[in-house]
């Protein structure tokens, strides 16, 4: 297994991260949309978003006071096409 697939499999082994990734596959989302979708507290979601960003799987951008997240790693999209 190549390194990127190993990183992806580790990231998806956490239910909160998996839920976030599945939500972001549809389109870019504001963190204010991700928190209620994940059904977790804001600190938990922020921690998992940071982890996914540090792993290079998602990216963020700021627009005023809002932070938006989207999928960065195309292999994630390919993996979920299989399901």
N, C-alpha and C. Protein backbone atom coordinates (compact mmCIF):
# COMPACT_ATOMS: atom_id res chain seq x y z
N UNK A 1 0.85 -1.18 0.00
CA UNK A 1 0.00 0.00 0.00
C UNK A 1 0.90 1.24 0.00
N UNK A 2 0.60 2.17 -0.91
CA UNK A 2 1.44 3.36 -0.93
C UNK A 2 1.11 4.26 0.26
N UNK A 3 2.00 5.19 0.54
CA UNK A 3 1.90 6.03 1.73
C UNK A 3 0.59 6.83 1.77
N UNK A 4 0.15 7.38 0.64
CA UNK A 4 -1.08 8.18 0.61
C UNK A 4 -2.29 7.33 0.97
N UNK A 5 -2.35 6.10 0.48
CA UNK A 5 -3.47 5.22 0.81
C UNK A 5 -3.46 4.84 2.29
N UNK A 6 -2.28 4.69 2.86
CA UNK A 6 -2.16 4.40 4.28
C UNK A 6 -2.68 5.59 5.10
N UNK A 7 -2.32 6.79 4.72
CA UNK A 7 -2.80 7.99 5.39
C UNK A 7 -4.33 8.08 5.30
N UNK A 8 -4.86 7.82 4.13
CA UNK A 8 -6.32 7.87 3.94
C UNK A 8 -7.01 6.83 4.79
N UNK A 9 -6.50 5.61 4.81
CA UNK A 9 -7.15 4.55 5.60
C UNK A 9 -7.12 4.87 7.09
N UNK A 10 -6.03 5.44 7.57
CA UNK A 10 -5.96 5.84 8.98
C UNK A 10 -6.95 6.97 9.26
N UNK A 11 -7.05 7.92 8.36
CA UNK A 11 -7.96 9.05 8.56
C UNK A 11 -9.41 8.58 8.59
N UNK A 12 -9.75 7.64 7.74
CA UNK A 12 -11.13 7.17 7.65
C UNK A 12 -11.50 6.16 8.73
N UNK A 13 -10.53 5.77 9.54
CA UNK A 13 -10.81 4.81 10.62
C UNK A 13 -11.50 5.47 11.81
N UNK A 14 -11.57 6.80 11.82
CA UNK A 14 -12.25 7.55 12.87
C UNK A 14 -13.62 7.97 12.34
N UNK A 15 -14.68 7.67 13.09
CA UNK A 15 -16.04 7.93 12.60
C UNK A 15 -16.30 9.41 12.34
N UNK A 16 -15.81 10.27 13.20
CA UNK A 16 -16.03 11.71 12.99
C UNK A 16 -15.34 12.18 11.72
N UNK A 17 -14.10 11.76 11.51
CA UNK A 17 -13.39 12.14 10.29
C UNK A 17 -14.08 11.57 9.05
N UNK A 18 -14.55 10.34 9.15
CA UNK A 18 -15.27 9.72 8.03
C UNK A 18 -16.53 10.52 7.70
N UNK A 19 -17.29 10.89 8.72
CA UNK A 19 -18.50 11.69 8.50
C UNK A 19 -18.18 13.03 7.85
N UNK A 20 -17.11 13.66 8.28
CA UNK A 20 -16.71 14.95 7.72
C UNK A 20 -16.33 14.78 6.25
N UNK A 21 -15.53 13.79 5.95
CA UNK A 21 -15.10 13.55 4.56
C UNK A 21 -16.31 13.28 3.67
N UNK A 22 -17.21 12.42 4.10
CA UNK A 22 -18.39 12.10 3.30
C UNK A 22 -19.23 13.36 3.04
N UNK A 23 -19.34 14.23 4.03
CA UNK A 23 -20.08 15.48 3.87
C UNK A 23 -19.38 16.41 2.89
N UNK A 24 -18.07 16.47 2.95
CA UNK A 24 -17.30 17.36 2.06
C UNK A 24 -17.23 16.85 0.63
N UNK A 25 -17.50 15.58 0.40
CA UNK A 25 -17.47 15.05 -0.96
C UNK A 25 -18.53 15.72 -1.84
N UNK A 26 -19.60 16.19 -1.23
CA UNK A 26 -20.68 16.83 -1.98
C UNK A 26 -20.25 18.21 -2.49
N UNK A 27 -19.61 18.99 -1.61
CA UNK A 27 -19.16 20.33 -1.99
C UNK A 27 -18.42 20.96 -0.82
N UNK A 28 -17.84 22.10 -1.08
CA UNK A 28 -17.18 22.87 -0.03
C UNK A 28 -18.22 23.26 1.02
N UNK A 29 -17.82 23.19 2.30
CA UNK A 29 -18.74 23.50 3.39
C UNK A 29 -18.07 24.43 4.40
N UNK A 30 -18.89 25.29 4.99
CA UNK A 30 -18.45 26.14 6.08
C UNK A 30 -18.39 25.30 7.35
N UNK A 31 -17.45 25.63 8.22
CA UNK A 31 -17.34 24.89 9.48
C UNK A 31 -18.66 24.96 10.24
N UNK A 32 -19.41 26.04 10.07
CA UNK A 32 -20.70 26.17 10.75
C UNK A 32 -21.72 25.16 10.24
N UNK A 33 -21.52 24.59 9.05
CA UNK A 33 -22.37 23.53 8.51
C UNK A 33 -21.86 22.15 8.93
N UNK A 34 -20.55 22.03 9.07
CA UNK A 34 -19.93 20.74 9.39
C UNK A 34 -20.25 20.32 10.82
N UNK A 35 -20.20 21.26 11.76
CA UNK A 35 -20.41 20.93 13.18
C UNK A 35 -21.75 20.26 13.41
N UNK A 36 -22.89 20.83 12.96
CA UNK A 36 -24.16 20.14 13.21
C UNK A 36 -24.27 18.82 12.46
N UNK A 37 -23.66 18.74 11.27
CA UNK A 37 -23.71 17.50 10.51
C UNK A 37 -22.96 16.38 11.24
N UNK A 38 -21.83 16.71 11.81
CA UNK A 38 -21.01 15.71 12.50
C UNK A 38 -21.62 15.28 13.83
N UNK A 39 -22.53 16.10 14.35
CA UNK A 39 -23.20 15.81 15.63
C UNK A 39 -22.20 15.62 16.77
N UNK A 40 -21.18 16.46 16.73
CA UNK A 40 -20.13 16.47 17.76
C UNK A 40 -19.93 17.91 18.21
N UNK A 41 -19.30 18.07 19.35
CA UNK A 41 -19.01 19.41 19.87
C UNK A 41 -18.00 20.11 18.96
N UNK A 42 -18.05 21.43 18.97
CA UNK A 42 -17.17 22.23 18.12
C UNK A 42 -15.70 21.91 18.32
N UNK A 43 -15.20 21.76 19.56
CA UNK A 43 -13.78 21.44 19.72
C UNK A 43 -13.39 20.10 19.07
N UNK A 44 -14.28 19.13 19.16
CA UNK A 44 -14.00 17.81 18.55
C UNK A 44 -13.93 17.93 17.04
N UNK A 45 -14.88 18.63 16.45
CA UNK A 45 -14.90 18.80 14.99
C UNK A 45 -13.67 19.59 14.54
N UNK A 46 -13.35 20.65 15.25
CA UNK A 46 -12.17 21.45 14.88
C UNK A 46 -10.89 20.63 14.95
N UNK A 47 -10.77 19.80 15.96
CA UNK A 47 -9.59 18.94 16.09
C UNK A 47 -9.49 17.97 14.91
N UNK A 48 -10.61 17.38 14.53
CA UNK A 48 -10.60 16.42 13.42
C UNK A 48 -10.38 17.12 12.08
N UNK A 49 -10.92 18.31 11.91
CA UNK A 49 -10.65 19.07 10.69
C UNK A 49 -9.16 19.40 10.58
N UNK A 50 -8.56 19.80 11.68
CA UNK A 50 -7.13 20.10 11.68
C UNK A 50 -6.32 18.87 11.31
N UNK A 51 -6.70 17.73 11.89
CA UNK A 51 -5.99 16.48 11.59
C UNK A 51 -6.09 16.15 10.10
N UNK A 52 -7.29 16.26 9.53
CA UNK A 52 -7.48 15.98 8.11
C UNK A 52 -6.69 16.96 7.24
N UNK A 53 -6.64 18.21 7.67
CA UNK A 53 -5.88 19.21 6.92
C UNK A 53 -4.37 18.93 7.02
N UNK A 54 -3.90 18.59 8.21
CA UNK A 54 -2.49 18.26 8.41
C UNK A 54 -2.07 17.05 7.58
N UNK A 55 -3.01 16.11 7.39
CA UNK A 55 -2.73 14.91 6.58
C UNK A 55 -2.77 15.21 5.08
N UNK A 56 -3.20 16.43 4.72
CA UNK A 56 -3.25 16.81 3.31
C UNK A 56 -4.48 16.31 2.57
N UNK A 57 -5.52 15.92 3.32
CA UNK A 57 -6.71 15.38 2.69
C UNK A 57 -7.77 16.44 2.40
N UNK A 58 -7.79 17.49 3.20
CA UNK A 58 -8.72 18.59 2.97
C UNK A 58 -7.94 19.90 3.01
N UNK A 59 -8.59 20.96 2.53
CA UNK A 59 -7.98 22.29 2.57
C UNK A 59 -9.01 23.27 3.09
N UNK A 60 -8.53 24.37 3.62
CA UNK A 60 -9.43 25.39 4.15
C UNK A 60 -9.14 26.72 3.49
N UNK A 61 -10.15 27.57 3.54
CA UNK A 61 -9.98 28.94 3.09
C UNK A 61 -10.88 29.81 3.95
N UNK A 62 -10.42 31.01 4.21
CA UNK A 62 -11.19 31.95 5.02
C UNK A 62 -11.86 32.96 4.12
N UNK A 63 -13.09 33.28 4.49
CA UNK A 63 -13.84 34.33 3.81
C UNK A 63 -14.49 35.16 4.91
N UNK A 64 -13.87 36.27 5.20
CA UNK A 64 -14.32 37.07 6.35
C UNK A 64 -14.05 36.29 7.63
N UNK A 65 -15.09 36.13 8.42
CA UNK A 65 -14.95 35.38 9.67
C UNK A 65 -15.23 33.89 9.50
N UNK A 66 -15.71 33.49 8.32
CA UNK A 66 -16.06 32.09 8.08
C UNK A 66 -14.87 31.31 7.52
N UNK A 67 -14.82 30.03 7.88
CA UNK A 67 -13.79 29.13 7.35
C UNK A 67 -14.51 28.03 6.58
N UNK A 68 -14.07 27.81 5.35
CA UNK A 68 -14.66 26.80 4.48
C UNK A 68 -13.65 25.68 4.26
N UNK A 69 -14.17 24.45 4.16
CA UNK A 69 -13.32 23.28 3.93
C UNK A 69 -13.78 22.55 2.69
N UNK A 70 -12.82 21.95 2.00
CA UNK A 70 -13.12 21.14 0.81
C UNK A 70 -12.09 20.03 0.70
N UNK A 71 -12.41 19.04 -0.13
CA UNK A 71 -11.53 17.90 -0.37
C UNK A 71 -10.32 18.37 -1.17
N UNK A 72 -9.15 17.97 -0.74
CA UNK A 72 -7.92 18.31 -1.44
C UNK A 72 -7.36 17.08 -2.17
N UNK A 73 -7.49 15.92 -1.54
CA UNK A 73 -6.90 14.69 -2.07
C UNK A 73 -7.90 13.98 -2.99
N UNK A 74 -7.58 13.94 -4.29
CA UNK A 74 -8.48 13.33 -5.27
C UNK A 74 -8.71 11.84 -5.04
N UNK A 75 -7.76 11.16 -4.41
CA UNK A 75 -7.94 9.73 -4.16
C UNK A 75 -9.14 9.47 -3.26
N UNK A 76 -9.48 10.43 -2.41
CA UNK A 76 -10.68 10.27 -1.57
C UNK A 76 -11.92 10.15 -2.43
N UNK A 77 -12.01 11.00 -3.44
CA UNK A 77 -13.17 10.96 -4.33
C UNK A 77 -13.23 9.62 -5.06
N UNK A 78 -12.07 9.13 -5.49
CA UNK A 78 -12.01 7.84 -6.19
C UNK A 78 -12.44 6.70 -5.28
N UNK A 79 -12.02 6.73 -4.04
CA UNK A 79 -12.39 5.67 -3.08
C UNK A 79 -13.89 5.62 -2.89
N UNK A 80 -14.51 6.76 -2.72
CA UNK A 80 -15.95 6.79 -2.46
C UNK A 80 -16.79 6.53 -3.69
N UNK A 81 -16.22 6.64 -4.87
CA UNK A 81 -16.93 6.27 -6.10
C UNK A 81 -17.19 4.77 -6.15
N UNK A 82 -16.38 4.00 -5.42
CA UNK A 82 -16.53 2.55 -5.41
C UNK A 82 -17.79 2.10 -4.65
N UNK A 83 -18.35 3.00 -3.83
CA UNK A 83 -19.49 2.62 -3.00
C UNK A 83 -20.79 3.14 -3.52
